[in-house]
Amino acid sequence: MTFFLGYFEELVTSGRVFILETPLFRVRNKKENIYCYSEDERDKAQAKLGKSAETSRFKGLGEINPTEFRQFIEPETMHLTPVEISQLKLVPKLLGFYMGKNTPERREFIEKHLLSNADIDA
């Protein structure tokens, strides 16, 4: 996003940039795979498939099998979220913080807001 905001701001502000969402979870049994984009969907899929269902948490695209990935980029099943900027005047300040030369401040911010494994529902 920093790249698009820094070099192609008009694409973002005109609603032409989208984020491709990939599933967070796969719940499966021997007969069926269900891909879930939220914890609520995961819980419903687990209830549907029963106690023997196996649940996998995807942490990124590298964990999704290439043969499975195809269905997430097909137009009929693709989950796209438009990028919206509600306060354009804040963009330069945010870019300066996240991409600037203020490494100690940025590191402190990340460490302060970093979640531990105990805080993550996975």
N, C-alpha and C. Protein backbone atom coordinates (compact mmCIF):
# COMPACT_ATOMS: atom_id res chain seq x y z
N MET A 1 0.82 -1.20 0.00
CA MET A 1 0.00 0.00 0.00
C MET A 1 0.86 1.25 0.00
N THR A 2 1.98 1.20 0.73
CA THR A 2 2.82 2.39 0.74
C THR A 2 3.34 2.71 -0.66
N PHE A 3 3.62 1.68 -1.45
CA PHE A 3 4.08 1.89 -2.83
C PHE A 3 3.00 2.60 -3.64
N PHE A 4 1.77 2.08 -3.59
CA PHE A 4 0.69 2.69 -4.37
C PHE A 4 0.37 4.10 -3.87
N LEU A 5 0.36 4.29 -2.57
CA LEU A 5 0.08 5.63 -2.05
C LEU A 5 1.21 6.60 -2.36
N GLY A 6 2.41 6.11 -2.35
CA GLY A 6 3.55 6.98 -2.61
C GLY A 6 3.73 7.35 -4.07
N TYR A 7 3.43 6.41 -4.98
CA TYR A 7 3.72 6.64 -6.39
C TYR A 7 2.47 6.68 -7.29
N PHE A 8 1.38 6.09 -6.85
CA PHE A 8 0.17 6.02 -7.68
C PHE A 8 -1.07 6.38 -6.86
N GLU A 9 -0.99 7.48 -6.15
CA GLU A 9 -2.07 7.90 -5.26
C GLU A 9 -3.42 7.97 -5.98
N GLU A 10 -3.42 8.44 -7.22
CA GLU A 10 -4.67 8.59 -7.96
C GLU A 10 -5.37 7.25 -8.18
N LEU A 11 -4.61 6.17 -8.37
CA LEU A 11 -5.22 4.85 -8.52
C LEU A 11 -5.99 4.47 -7.25
N VAL A 12 -5.41 4.77 -6.10
CA VAL A 12 -6.06 4.43 -4.83
C VAL A 12 -7.28 5.31 -4.61
N THR A 13 -7.12 6.61 -4.78
CA THR A 13 -8.23 7.52 -4.50
C THR A 13 -9.38 7.38 -5.50
N SER A 14 -9.11 6.82 -6.67
CA SER A 14 -10.19 6.64 -7.65
C SER A 14 -10.84 5.25 -7.54
N GLY A 15 -10.46 4.49 -6.53
CA GLY A 15 -11.10 3.19 -6.29
C GLY A 15 -10.66 2.08 -7.21
N ARG A 16 -9.44 2.15 -7.71
CA ARG A 16 -8.96 1.14 -8.65
C ARG A 16 -8.00 0.12 -8.04
N VAL A 17 -7.77 0.19 -6.74
CA VAL A 17 -6.87 -0.75 -6.08
C VAL A 17 -7.69 -1.64 -5.15
N PHE A 18 -7.46 -2.94 -5.26
CA PHE A 18 -8.18 -3.93 -4.46
C PHE A 18 -7.19 -4.86 -3.78
N ILE A 19 -7.61 -5.43 -2.68
CA ILE A 19 -6.81 -6.42 -1.97
C ILE A 19 -7.46 -7.78 -2.21
N LEU A 20 -6.67 -8.72 -2.70
CA LEU A 20 -7.15 -10.09 -2.88
C LEU A 20 -7.07 -10.79 -1.54
N GLU A 21 -8.21 -11.19 -1.03
CA GLU A 21 -8.26 -11.91 0.24
C GLU A 21 -8.11 -13.40 -0.02
N THR A 22 -7.26 -14.02 0.75
CA THR A 22 -7.12 -15.47 0.70
C THR A 22 -7.64 -16.02 2.01
N PRO A 23 -8.05 -17.27 2.03
CA PRO A 23 -8.65 -17.81 3.25
C PRO A 23 -7.66 -17.87 4.41
N LEU A 24 -8.20 -17.72 5.61
CA LEU A 24 -7.40 -17.85 6.81
C LEU A 24 -7.32 -19.30 7.28
N PHE A 25 -8.38 -20.07 6.98
CA PHE A 25 -8.46 -21.44 7.48
C PHE A 25 -8.95 -22.39 6.39
N ARG A 26 -8.56 -23.64 6.54
CA ARG A 26 -9.14 -24.73 5.75
C ARG A 26 -9.61 -25.77 6.76
N VAL A 27 -10.89 -26.10 6.67
CA VAL A 27 -11.47 -27.14 7.52
C VAL A 27 -11.83 -28.28 6.57
N ARG A 28 -11.37 -29.49 6.90
CA ARG A 28 -11.62 -30.58 5.97
C ARG A 28 -11.78 -31.91 6.70
N ASN A 29 -12.47 -32.78 5.99
CA ASN A 29 -12.53 -34.18 6.37
C ASN A 29 -12.21 -34.97 5.10
N LYS A 30 -12.44 -36.26 5.10
CA LYS A 30 -12.07 -37.06 3.94
C LYS A 30 -12.90 -36.76 2.70
N LYS A 31 -14.06 -36.13 2.88
CA LYS A 31 -14.97 -35.90 1.75
C LYS A 31 -15.02 -34.45 1.28
N GLU A 32 -14.69 -33.50 2.16
CA GLU A 32 -14.97 -32.10 1.82
C GLU A 32 -13.90 -31.16 2.39
N ASN A 33 -13.58 -30.14 1.63
CA ASN A 33 -12.73 -29.02 2.06
C ASN A 33 -13.60 -27.77 2.13
N ILE A 34 -13.50 -27.03 3.22
CA ILE A 34 -14.19 -25.75 3.33
C ILE A 34 -13.14 -24.70 3.66
N TYR A 35 -13.08 -23.64 2.84
CA TYR A 35 -12.13 -22.56 3.05
C TYR A 35 -12.86 -21.42 3.75
N CYS A 36 -12.24 -20.88 4.80
CA CYS A 36 -12.90 -19.90 5.66
C CYS A 36 -12.09 -18.61 5.71
N TYR A 37 -12.80 -17.50 5.63
CA TYR A 37 -12.18 -16.18 5.62
C TYR A 37 -12.29 -15.47 6.95
N SER A 38 -12.90 -16.11 7.94
CA SER A 38 -13.04 -15.52 9.27
C SER A 38 -13.13 -16.64 10.31
N GLU A 39 -12.97 -16.27 11.56
CA GLU A 39 -13.09 -17.25 12.63
C GLU A 39 -14.51 -17.78 12.74
N ASP A 40 -15.48 -16.90 12.47
CA ASP A 40 -16.89 -17.32 12.50
C ASP A 40 -17.16 -18.39 11.44
N GLU A 41 -16.67 -18.17 10.22
CA GLU A 41 -16.82 -19.18 9.16
C GLU A 41 -16.13 -20.48 9.55
N ARG A 42 -14.95 -20.37 10.17
CA ARG A 42 -14.22 -21.57 10.62
C ARG A 42 -15.05 -22.36 11.62
N ASP A 43 -15.63 -21.66 12.59
CA ASP A 43 -16.43 -22.34 13.62
C ASP A 43 -17.63 -23.05 13.01
N LYS A 44 -18.28 -22.42 12.05
CA LYS A 44 -19.43 -23.04 11.38
C LYS A 44 -19.01 -24.25 10.57
N ALA A 45 -17.88 -24.16 9.90
CA ALA A 45 -17.38 -25.28 9.11
C ALA A 45 -17.00 -26.46 10.01
N GLN A 46 -16.39 -26.18 11.15
CA GLN A 46 -16.04 -27.23 12.10
C GLN A 46 -17.30 -27.93 12.61
N ALA A 47 -18.33 -27.15 12.89
CA ALA A 47 -19.59 -27.73 13.36
C ALA A 47 -20.22 -28.59 12.27
N LYS A 48 -20.15 -28.12 11.03
CA LYS A 48 -20.74 -28.86 9.92
C LYS A 48 -20.03 -30.18 9.66
N LEU A 49 -18.69 -30.18 9.72
CA LEU A 49 -17.92 -31.37 9.39
C LEU A 49 -17.70 -32.31 10.58
N GLY A 50 -17.98 -31.83 11.78
CA GLY A 50 -17.90 -32.70 12.95
C GLY A 50 -16.54 -32.73 13.62
N LYS A 51 -16.47 -33.53 14.67
CA LYS A 51 -15.26 -33.58 15.50
C LYS A 51 -14.04 -34.12 14.78
N SER A 52 -14.23 -34.91 13.77
CA SER A 52 -13.09 -35.50 13.06
C SER A 52 -12.46 -34.53 12.04
N ALA A 53 -13.02 -33.35 11.91
CA ALA A 53 -12.51 -32.38 10.94
C ALA A 53 -11.13 -31.88 11.35
N GLU A 54 -10.29 -31.69 10.35
CA GLU A 54 -8.94 -31.14 10.56
C GLU A 54 -8.98 -29.67 10.15
N THR A 55 -8.43 -28.80 10.99
CA THR A 55 -8.39 -27.38 10.69
C THR A 55 -6.95 -26.92 10.52
N SER A 56 -6.70 -26.22 9.41
CA SER A 56 -5.38 -25.65 9.14
C SER A 56 -5.50 -24.15 9.13
N ARG A 57 -4.50 -23.48 9.69
CA ARG A 57 -4.45 -22.01 9.68
C ARG A 57 -3.42 -21.59 8.66
N PHE A 58 -3.84 -20.79 7.69
CA PHE A 58 -2.92 -20.26 6.69
C PHE A 58 -2.36 -18.94 7.20
N LYS A 59 -1.05 -18.83 7.24
CA LYS A 59 -0.41 -17.58 7.69
C LYS A 59 0.00 -16.72 6.51
N GLY A 60 -0.04 -17.28 5.33
CA GLY A 60 0.33 -16.52 4.15
C GLY A 60 0.18 -17.36 2.91
N LEU A 61 0.41 -16.76 1.77
CA LEU A 61 0.24 -17.46 0.50
C LEU A 61 1.15 -18.65 0.36
N GLY A 62 2.31 -18.62 0.98
CA GLY A 62 3.26 -19.71 0.87
C GLY A 62 2.76 -21.01 1.47
N GLU A 63 1.77 -20.93 2.32
CA GLU A 63 1.24 -22.14 2.96
C GLU A 63 0.07 -22.75 2.20
N ILE A 64 -0.39 -22.06 1.17
CA ILE A 64 -1.50 -22.57 0.37
C ILE A 64 -0.92 -23.32 -0.82
N ASN A 65 -1.36 -24.55 -1.00
CA ASN A 65 -0.90 -25.38 -2.10
C ASN A 65 -1.22 -24.70 -3.42
N PRO A 66 -0.29 -24.65 -4.37
CA PRO A 66 -0.56 -23.99 -5.66
C PRO A 66 -1.80 -24.52 -6.38
N THR A 67 -2.09 -25.80 -6.24
CA THR A 67 -3.29 -26.34 -6.90
C THR A 67 -4.56 -25.82 -6.23
N GLU A 68 -4.49 -25.53 -4.93
CA GLU A 68 -5.65 -24.97 -4.23
C GLU A 68 -5.82 -23.49 -4.55
N PHE A 69 -4.71 -22.80 -4.75
CA PHE A 69 -4.75 -21.35 -4.94
C PHE A 69 -5.57 -20.93 -6.15
N ARG A 70 -5.60 -21.76 -7.18
CA ARG A 70 -6.32 -21.42 -8.40
C ARG A 70 -7.76 -20.98 -8.13
N GLN A 71 -8.44 -21.67 -7.21
CA GLN A 71 -9.85 -21.33 -6.97
C GLN A 71 -10.02 -19.98 -6.28
N PHE A 72 -8.97 -19.46 -5.67
CA PHE A 72 -9.10 -18.16 -5.00
C PHE A 72 -8.90 -16.99 -5.95
N ILE A 73 -8.42 -17.28 -7.16
CA ILE A 73 -8.22 -16.20 -8.14
C ILE A 73 -9.15 -16.32 -9.34
N GLU A 74 -10.08 -17.26 -9.29
CA GLU A 74 -11.08 -17.35 -10.35
C GLU A 74 -12.12 -16.26 -10.12
N PRO A 75 -12.56 -15.58 -11.17
CA PRO A 75 -13.49 -14.46 -11.02
C PRO A 75 -14.76 -14.79 -10.22
N GLU A 76 -15.27 -16.01 -10.35
CA GLU A 76 -16.51 -16.37 -9.66
C GLU A 76 -16.34 -16.52 -8.15
N THR A 77 -15.15 -16.88 -7.70
CA THR A 77 -14.94 -17.16 -6.28
C THR A 77 -13.95 -16.20 -5.61
N MET A 78 -13.45 -15.24 -6.34
CA MET A 78 -12.45 -14.31 -5.83
C MET A 78 -13.05 -13.38 -4.77
N HIS A 79 -12.32 -13.15 -3.69
CA HIS A 79 -12.72 -12.20 -2.65
C HIS A 79 -11.85 -10.96 -2.79
N LEU A 80 -12.43 -9.88 -3.29
CA LEU A 80 -11.70 -8.63 -3.46
C LEU A 80 -12.27 -7.56 -2.54
N THR A 81 -11.39 -6.85 -1.86
CA THR A 81 -11.81 -5.75 -0.98
C THR A 81 -11.23 -4.46 -1.55
N PRO A 82 -12.08 -3.48 -1.86
CA PRO A 82 -11.55 -2.23 -2.39
C PRO A 82 -10.80 -1.46 -1.31
N VAL A 83 -9.72 -0.80 -1.71
CA VAL A 83 -8.96 0.04 -0.78
C VAL A 83 -9.62 1.41 -0.81
N GLU A 84 -9.96 1.90 0.38
CA GLU A 84 -10.61 3.21 0.49
C GLU A 84 -9.80 4.10 1.42
N ILE A 85 -9.63 5.33 1.04
CA ILE A 85 -8.92 6.31 1.86
C ILE A 85 -9.95 7.33 2.34
N SER A 86 -10.17 7.36 3.65
CA SER A 86 -11.18 8.27 4.17
C SER A 86 -10.61 9.65 4.48
N GLN A 87 -9.32 9.74 4.81
CA GLN A 87 -8.72 11.03 5.13
C GLN A 87 -7.39 11.16 4.40
N LEU A 88 -7.46 11.64 3.18
CA LEU A 88 -6.28 11.75 2.33
C LEU A 88 -5.19 12.62 2.94
N LYS A 89 -5.58 13.60 3.73
CA LYS A 89 -4.57 14.51 4.31
C LYS A 89 -3.65 13.79 5.30
N LEU A 90 -4.05 12.62 5.82
CA LEU A 90 -3.20 11.87 6.76
C LEU A 90 -2.16 11.01 6.06
N VAL A 91 -2.32 10.77 4.77
CA VAL A 91 -1.44 9.86 4.04
C VAL A 91 0.03 10.27 4.11
N PRO A 92 0.41 11.51 3.86
CA PRO A 92 1.84 11.86 3.92
C PRO A 92 2.45 11.59 5.31
N LYS A 93 1.72 11.89 6.36
CA LYS A 93 2.23 11.65 7.71
C LYS A 93 2.42 10.15 7.95
N LEU A 94 1.44 9.35 7.54
CA LEU A 94 1.54 7.90 7.72
C LEU A 94 2.69 7.31 6.90
N LEU A 95 2.83 7.76 5.66
CA LEU A 95 3.94 7.28 4.83
C LEU A 95 5.28 7.67 5.45
N GLY A 96 5.36 8.86 5.98
CA GLY A 96 6.59 9.31 6.63
C GLY A 96 6.94 8.43 7.83
N PHE A 97 5.94 8.03 8.58
CA PHE A 97 6.19 7.18 9.75
C PHE A 97 6.61 5.77 9.33
N TYR A 98 5.84 5.16 8.43
CA TYR A 98 6.08 3.77 8.08
C TYR A 98 7.25 3.57 7.11
N MET A 99 7.58 4.58 6.33
CA MET A 99 8.63 4.42 5.33
C MET A 99 9.80 5.38 5.55
N GLY A 100 9.75 6.17 6.61
CA GLY A 100 10.79 7.18 6.84
C GLY A 100 12.03 6.62 7.50
N LYS A 101 12.87 7.54 7.96
CA LYS A 101 14.16 7.17 8.56
C LYS A 101 14.08 7.15 10.09
N ASN A 102 12.89 6.94 10.61
CA ASN A 102 12.66 6.94 12.05
C ASN A 102 12.66 5.52 12.62
N THR A 103 13.67 4.74 12.30
CA THR A 103 13.69 3.33 12.66
C THR A 103 13.46 3.09 14.15
N PRO A 104 14.08 3.81 15.08
CA PRO A 104 13.84 3.53 16.50
C PRO A 104 12.37 3.72 16.90
N GLU A 105 11.75 4.79 16.43
CA GLU A 105 10.33 5.03 16.75
C GLU A 105 9.45 3.92 16.18
N ARG A 106 9.70 3.55 14.94
CA ARG A 106 8.90 2.51 14.28
C ARG A 106 9.08 1.17 15.01
N ARG A 107 10.30 0.85 15.38
CA ARG A 107 10.56 -0.39 16.11
C ARG A 107 9.82 -0.40 17.44
N GLU A 108 9.87 0.70 18.16
CA GLU A 108 9.17 0.81 19.44
C GLU A 108 7.66 0.62 19.25
N PHE A 109 7.11 1.23 18.20
CA PHE A 109 5.68 1.09 17.91
C PHE A 109 5.33 -0.37 17.64
N ILE A 110 6.13 -1.04 16.82
CA ILE A 110 5.86 -2.45 16.48
C ILE A 110 5.94 -3.31 17.73
N GLU A 111 6.98 -3.12 18.53
CA GLU A 111 7.13 -3.93 19.74
C GLU A 111 5.98 -3.70 20.72
N LYS A 112 5.53 -2.47 20.83
CA LYS A 112 4.43 -2.14 21.74
C LYS A 112 3.12 -2.79 21.29
N HIS A 113 2.90 -2.90 19.99
CA HIS A 113 1.64 -3.40 19.45
C HIS A 113 1.69 -4.85 18.96
N LEU A 114 2.83 -5.50 19.15
CA LEU A 114 2.99 -6.87 18.70
C LEU A 114 2.19 -7.82 19.58
N LEU A 115 1.46 -8.74 18.95
CA LEU A 115 0.68 -9.72 19.70
C LEU A 115 1.54 -10.95 19.95
N SER A 116 1.38 -11.53 21.12
CA SER A 116 2.06 -12.79 21.40
C SER A 116 1.19 -13.94 20.89
N ASN A 117 1.76 -15.13 20.83
CA ASN A 117 1.00 -16.30 20.39
C ASN A 117 -0.23 -16.53 21.27
N ALA A 118 -0.14 -16.19 22.53
CA ALA A 118 -1.28 -16.38 23.44
C ALA A 118 -2.44 -15.46 23.09
N ASP A 119 -2.14 -14.33 22.46
CA ASP A 119 -3.18 -13.35 22.10
C ASP A 119 -3.87 -13.67 20.77
N ILE A 120 -3.30 -14.58 20.01
CA ILE A 120 -3.81 -14.87 18.67
C ILE A 120 -4.69 -16.10 18.73
N ASP A 121 -5.93 -15.98 18.24
CA ASP A 121 -6.85 -17.12 18.18
C ASP A 121 -6.61 -17.86 16.89
N ALA A 122 -5.85 -18.93 16.96
CA ALA A 122 -5.56 -19.69 15.74
C ALA A 122 -5.74 -21.17 16.00
